[in-house]
Amino acid sequence: MDFVVDASHPALPGHFPGNPIVPGVVLLDHVIEAIEAAYGPLSSMRLPQVKFLQPLLPGERARVELDGAAGRWKFRVLRGETLLASGEVAGGAE
């Protein structure tokens, strides 16, 4: 799933003033959105492991890649070939 976080996103003004970067929680929101688009709503979830490696700037295109099956997924968030974040999501469908 590809996405772009617009410069007007409400989380950006405080993260960081004058030099905004997309907060990690916004990246994770796109990961959950990708999982739910493919597997349906999650009733609960855990994030046993998450690493943020590089920043994403407003307006840059990124993508979420998923590997796994219902109940447990590994994810990667990439900008081109650059790995921005990776980790695991464990959860149940509603």
N, C-alpha and C. Protein backbone atom coordinates (compact mmCIF):
# COMPACT_ATOMS: atom_id res chain seq x y z
N MET A 1 0.84 -1.17 0.00
CA MET A 1 0.00 0.00 0.00
C MET A 1 0.88 1.24 0.00
N ASP A 2 0.71 2.09 -0.97
CA ASP A 2 1.44 3.36 -1.05
C ASP A 2 0.68 4.44 -0.30
N PHE A 3 1.42 5.41 0.23
CA PHE A 3 0.79 6.54 0.91
C PHE A 3 1.72 7.74 0.90
N VAL A 4 1.11 8.90 1.09
CA VAL A 4 1.82 10.17 1.24
C VAL A 4 1.15 10.90 2.41
N VAL A 5 1.95 11.40 3.32
CA VAL A 5 1.41 12.20 4.43
C VAL A 5 1.53 13.66 4.01
N ASP A 6 0.37 14.31 3.89
CA ASP A 6 0.32 15.70 3.46
C ASP A 6 0.92 16.62 4.51
N ALA A 7 1.50 17.71 4.06
CA ALA A 7 2.12 18.68 4.97
C ALA A 7 1.11 19.32 5.92
N SER A 8 -0.18 19.20 5.63
CA SER A 8 -1.21 19.77 6.51
C SER A 8 -1.68 18.78 7.58
N HIS A 9 -1.08 17.59 7.65
CA HIS A 9 -1.49 16.60 8.65
C HIS A 9 -1.41 17.21 10.05
N PRO A 10 -2.42 17.00 10.90
CA PRO A 10 -2.44 17.65 12.22
C PRO A 10 -1.33 17.22 13.18
N ALA A 11 -0.66 16.12 12.93
CA ALA A 11 0.42 15.67 13.83
C ALA A 11 1.75 16.36 13.54
N LEU A 12 1.86 17.05 12.43
CA LEU A 12 3.15 17.59 12.02
C LEU A 12 3.61 18.86 12.73
N PRO A 13 2.74 19.80 13.07
CA PRO A 13 3.24 21.05 13.66
C PRO A 13 4.10 20.87 14.91
N GLY A 14 3.83 19.91 15.73
CA GLY A 14 4.62 19.71 16.93
C GLY A 14 5.75 18.72 16.77
N HIS A 15 5.96 18.23 15.55
CA HIS A 15 6.92 17.13 15.37
C HIS A 15 7.80 17.38 14.15
N PHE A 16 8.60 18.22 14.00
CA PHE A 16 9.19 19.20 14.89
C PHE A 16 9.04 20.56 14.26
N PRO A 17 8.75 21.60 15.05
CA PRO A 17 8.52 22.93 14.48
C PRO A 17 9.69 23.39 13.60
N GLY A 18 9.37 23.83 12.40
CA GLY A 18 10.38 24.32 11.47
C GLY A 18 11.08 23.23 10.67
N ASN A 19 10.98 21.97 11.09
CA ASN A 19 11.62 20.86 10.39
C ASN A 19 10.76 19.61 10.60
N PRO A 20 9.54 19.60 10.05
CA PRO A 20 8.62 18.51 10.36
C PRO A 20 9.06 17.16 9.79
N ILE A 21 8.86 16.13 10.60
CA ILE A 21 8.98 14.75 10.13
C ILE A 21 7.71 14.02 10.54
N VAL A 22 7.37 12.99 9.81
CA VAL A 22 6.17 12.22 10.09
C VAL A 22 6.40 11.39 11.35
N PRO A 23 5.55 11.55 12.38
CA PRO A 23 5.71 10.76 13.60
C PRO A 23 5.55 9.25 13.34
N GLY A 24 6.25 8.47 14.12
CA GLY A 24 6.17 7.02 13.98
C GLY A 24 4.76 6.49 14.11
N VAL A 25 3.97 7.09 14.98
CA VAL A 25 2.60 6.62 15.16
C VAL A 25 1.78 6.78 13.88
N VAL A 26 2.10 7.77 13.07
CA VAL A 26 1.40 7.95 11.80
C VAL A 26 1.82 6.85 10.82
N LEU A 27 3.09 6.49 10.82
CA LEU A 27 3.52 5.35 10.00
C LEU A 27 2.80 4.08 10.42
N LEU A 28 2.71 3.85 11.74
CA LEU A 28 2.04 2.65 12.24
C LEU A 28 0.55 2.66 11.88
N ASP A 29 -0.06 3.81 11.85
CA ASP A 29 -1.46 3.91 11.44
C ASP A 29 -1.63 3.40 10.01
N HIS A 30 -0.67 3.72 9.14
CA HIS A 30 -0.73 3.22 7.75
C HIS A 30 -0.49 1.72 7.69
N VAL A 31 0.34 1.20 8.58
CA VAL A 31 0.55 -0.26 8.64
C VAL A 31 -0.76 -0.95 9.02
N ILE A 32 -1.42 -0.45 10.06
CA ILE A 32 -2.69 -1.05 10.49
C ILE A 32 -3.74 -0.92 9.39
N GLU A 33 -3.77 0.22 8.71
CA GLU A 33 -4.71 0.41 7.60
C GLU A 33 -4.47 -0.63 6.50
N ALA A 34 -3.21 -0.91 6.19
CA ALA A 34 -2.89 -1.91 5.16
C ALA A 34 -3.33 -3.31 5.59
N ILE A 35 -3.11 -3.64 6.87
CA ILE A 35 -3.53 -4.95 7.37
C ILE A 35 -5.05 -5.08 7.31
N GLU A 36 -5.75 -4.05 7.78
CA GLU A 36 -7.21 -4.12 7.79
C GLU A 36 -7.79 -4.12 6.38
N ALA A 37 -7.15 -3.47 5.43
CA ALA A 37 -7.61 -3.50 4.04
C ALA A 37 -7.51 -4.90 3.47
N ALA A 38 -6.48 -5.64 3.87
CA ALA A 38 -6.26 -6.98 3.33
C ALA A 38 -6.97 -8.08 4.12
N TYR A 39 -7.13 -7.89 5.44
CA TYR A 39 -7.61 -8.98 6.29
C TYR A 39 -8.85 -8.64 7.11
N GLY A 40 -9.34 -7.42 7.03
CA GLY A 40 -10.50 -7.02 7.80
C GLY A 40 -10.10 -6.35 9.11
N PRO A 41 -11.10 -5.80 9.80
CA PRO A 41 -10.82 -5.05 11.04
C PRO A 41 -10.16 -5.92 12.11
N LEU A 42 -9.28 -5.29 12.87
CA LEU A 42 -8.63 -5.96 13.99
C LEU A 42 -9.36 -5.57 15.27
N SER A 43 -9.70 -6.55 16.09
CA SER A 43 -10.38 -6.24 17.34
C SER A 43 -9.37 -5.89 18.43
N SER A 44 -8.19 -6.39 18.30
CA SER A 44 -7.12 -6.09 19.25
C SER A 44 -5.79 -6.27 18.53
N MET A 45 -4.74 -5.68 19.10
CA MET A 45 -3.43 -5.88 18.47
C MET A 45 -2.33 -5.59 19.47
N ARG A 46 -1.19 -6.16 19.17
CA ARG A 46 0.05 -5.88 19.90
C ARG A 46 1.11 -5.58 18.86
N LEU A 47 2.09 -4.83 19.29
CA LEU A 47 3.25 -4.53 18.45
C LEU A 47 4.48 -5.04 19.21
N PRO A 48 4.78 -6.34 19.10
CA PRO A 48 5.88 -6.90 19.88
C PRO A 48 7.24 -6.33 19.52
N GLN A 49 7.37 -5.84 18.31
CA GLN A 49 8.66 -5.30 17.89
C GLN A 49 8.43 -4.24 16.81
N VAL A 50 9.04 -3.07 17.01
CA VAL A 50 8.99 -1.99 16.02
C VAL A 50 10.33 -1.26 16.05
N LYS A 51 10.89 -1.01 14.88
CA LYS A 51 12.12 -0.23 14.76
C LYS A 51 11.88 0.89 13.76
N PHE A 52 12.25 2.10 14.15
CA PHE A 52 12.21 3.24 13.24
C PHE A 52 13.64 3.57 12.87
N LEU A 53 13.95 3.51 11.57
CA LEU A 53 15.33 3.61 11.12
C LEU A 53 15.67 4.92 10.42
N GLN A 54 14.71 5.46 9.68
CA GLN A 54 14.93 6.69 8.90
C GLN A 54 13.66 7.52 8.96
N PRO A 55 13.78 8.84 8.87
CA PRO A 55 12.57 9.68 8.90
C PRO A 55 11.86 9.72 7.55
N LEU A 56 10.57 10.00 7.63
CA LEU A 56 9.77 10.29 6.45
C LEU A 56 9.36 11.75 6.54
N LEU A 57 9.55 12.48 5.46
CA LEU A 57 9.19 13.89 5.43
C LEU A 57 7.81 14.05 4.81
N PRO A 58 7.08 15.09 5.21
CA PRO A 58 5.77 15.34 4.59
C PRO A 58 5.91 15.45 3.08
N GLY A 59 4.96 14.85 2.37
CA GLY A 59 4.95 14.90 0.91
C GLY A 59 5.74 13.80 0.23
N GLU A 60 6.55 13.05 0.98
CA GLU A 60 7.30 11.95 0.38
C GLU A 60 6.40 10.72 0.27
N ARG A 61 6.57 9.98 -0.82
CA ARG A 61 5.80 8.75 -1.04
C ARG A 61 6.49 7.59 -0.31
N ALA A 62 5.69 6.80 0.38
CA ALA A 62 6.19 5.62 1.07
C ALA A 62 5.23 4.47 0.79
N ARG A 63 5.64 3.27 1.18
CA ARG A 63 4.76 2.11 0.99
C ARG A 63 4.92 1.15 2.17
N VAL A 64 3.85 0.42 2.41
CA VAL A 64 3.84 -0.62 3.44
C VAL A 64 3.88 -1.96 2.73
N GLU A 65 4.80 -2.81 3.16
CA GLU A 65 4.86 -4.20 2.68
C GLU A 65 4.57 -5.11 3.86
N LEU A 66 3.70 -6.11 3.64
CA LEU A 66 3.31 -7.05 4.67
C LEU A 66 3.74 -8.45 4.31
N ASP A 67 4.08 -9.23 5.33
CA ASP A 67 4.40 -10.64 5.15
C ASP A 67 3.78 -11.37 6.33
N GLY A 68 3.06 -12.41 6.07
CA GLY A 68 2.45 -13.17 7.14
C GLY A 68 1.04 -13.56 6.79
N ALA A 69 0.30 -13.94 7.81
CA ALA A 69 -1.07 -14.37 7.63
C ALA A 69 -1.90 -13.82 8.77
N ALA A 70 -3.22 -14.01 8.66
CA ALA A 70 -4.14 -13.49 9.67
C ALA A 70 -3.65 -13.86 11.07
N GLY A 71 -3.51 -12.85 11.89
CA GLY A 71 -3.09 -13.05 13.27
C GLY A 71 -1.69 -12.57 13.57
N ARG A 72 -0.80 -12.63 12.59
CA ARG A 72 0.57 -12.16 12.83
C ARG A 72 1.21 -11.75 11.49
N TRP A 73 1.71 -10.53 11.47
CA TRP A 73 2.31 -9.99 10.26
C TRP A 73 3.65 -9.33 10.58
N LYS A 74 4.58 -9.45 9.67
CA LYS A 74 5.79 -8.63 9.70
C LYS A 74 5.56 -7.53 8.69
N PHE A 75 6.04 -6.34 9.01
CA PHE A 75 5.83 -5.22 8.10
C PHE A 75 7.15 -4.48 7.86
N ARG A 76 7.15 -3.80 6.72
CA ARG A 76 8.23 -2.87 6.38
C ARG A 76 7.59 -1.64 5.78
N VAL A 77 8.10 -0.48 6.17
CA VAL A 77 7.69 0.79 5.57
C VAL A 77 8.91 1.31 4.83
N LEU A 78 8.76 1.54 3.52
CA LEU A 78 9.87 1.94 2.68
C LEU A 78 9.59 3.23 1.94
N ARG A 79 10.63 4.01 1.71
CA ARG A 79 10.62 5.16 0.80
C ARG A 79 11.57 4.77 -0.32
N GLY A 80 11.01 4.41 -1.46
CA GLY A 80 11.85 3.83 -2.51
C GLY A 80 12.40 2.51 -2.00
N GLU A 81 13.72 2.40 -1.99
CA GLU A 81 14.36 1.19 -1.46
C GLU A 81 14.89 1.39 -0.04
N THR A 82 14.67 2.58 0.53
CA THR A 82 15.17 2.89 1.87
C THR A 82 14.18 2.41 2.93
N LEU A 83 14.64 1.58 3.84
CA LEU A 83 13.81 1.07 4.92
C LEU A 83 13.65 2.14 5.99
N LEU A 84 12.40 2.51 6.25
CA LEU A 84 12.09 3.53 7.25
C LEU A 84 11.73 2.92 8.58
N ALA A 85 10.96 1.84 8.56
CA ALA A 85 10.51 1.19 9.78
C ALA A 85 10.20 -0.28 9.48
N SER A 86 10.33 -1.09 10.52
CA SER A 86 9.98 -2.51 10.38
C SER A 86 9.51 -3.01 11.73
N GLY A 87 8.84 -4.16 11.71
CA GLY A 87 8.39 -4.73 12.96
C GLY A 87 7.35 -5.81 12.75
N GLU A 88 6.62 -6.09 13.83
CA GLU A 88 5.60 -7.12 13.83
C GLU A 88 4.31 -6.59 14.44
N VAL A 89 3.20 -7.08 13.91
CA VAL A 89 1.88 -6.81 14.47
C VAL A 89 1.21 -8.14 14.72
N ALA A 90 0.69 -8.31 15.92
CA ALA A 90 -0.09 -9.50 16.26
C ALA A 90 -1.47 -9.02 16.66
N GLY A 91 -2.48 -9.63 16.09
CA GLY A 91 -3.83 -9.17 16.40
C GLY A 91 -4.88 -10.14 15.97
N GLY A 92 -6.10 -9.86 16.41
CA GLY A 92 -7.23 -10.70 16.06
C GLY A 92 -8.25 -9.93 15.26
N ALA A 93 -8.94 -10.63 14.38
CA ALA A 93 -10.00 -10.01 13.57
C ALA A 93 -11.27 -9.94 14.39
N GLU A 94 -12.13 -8.97 14.05
CA GLU A 94 -13.43 -8.83 14.75
C GLU A 94 -14.37 -9.92 14.33
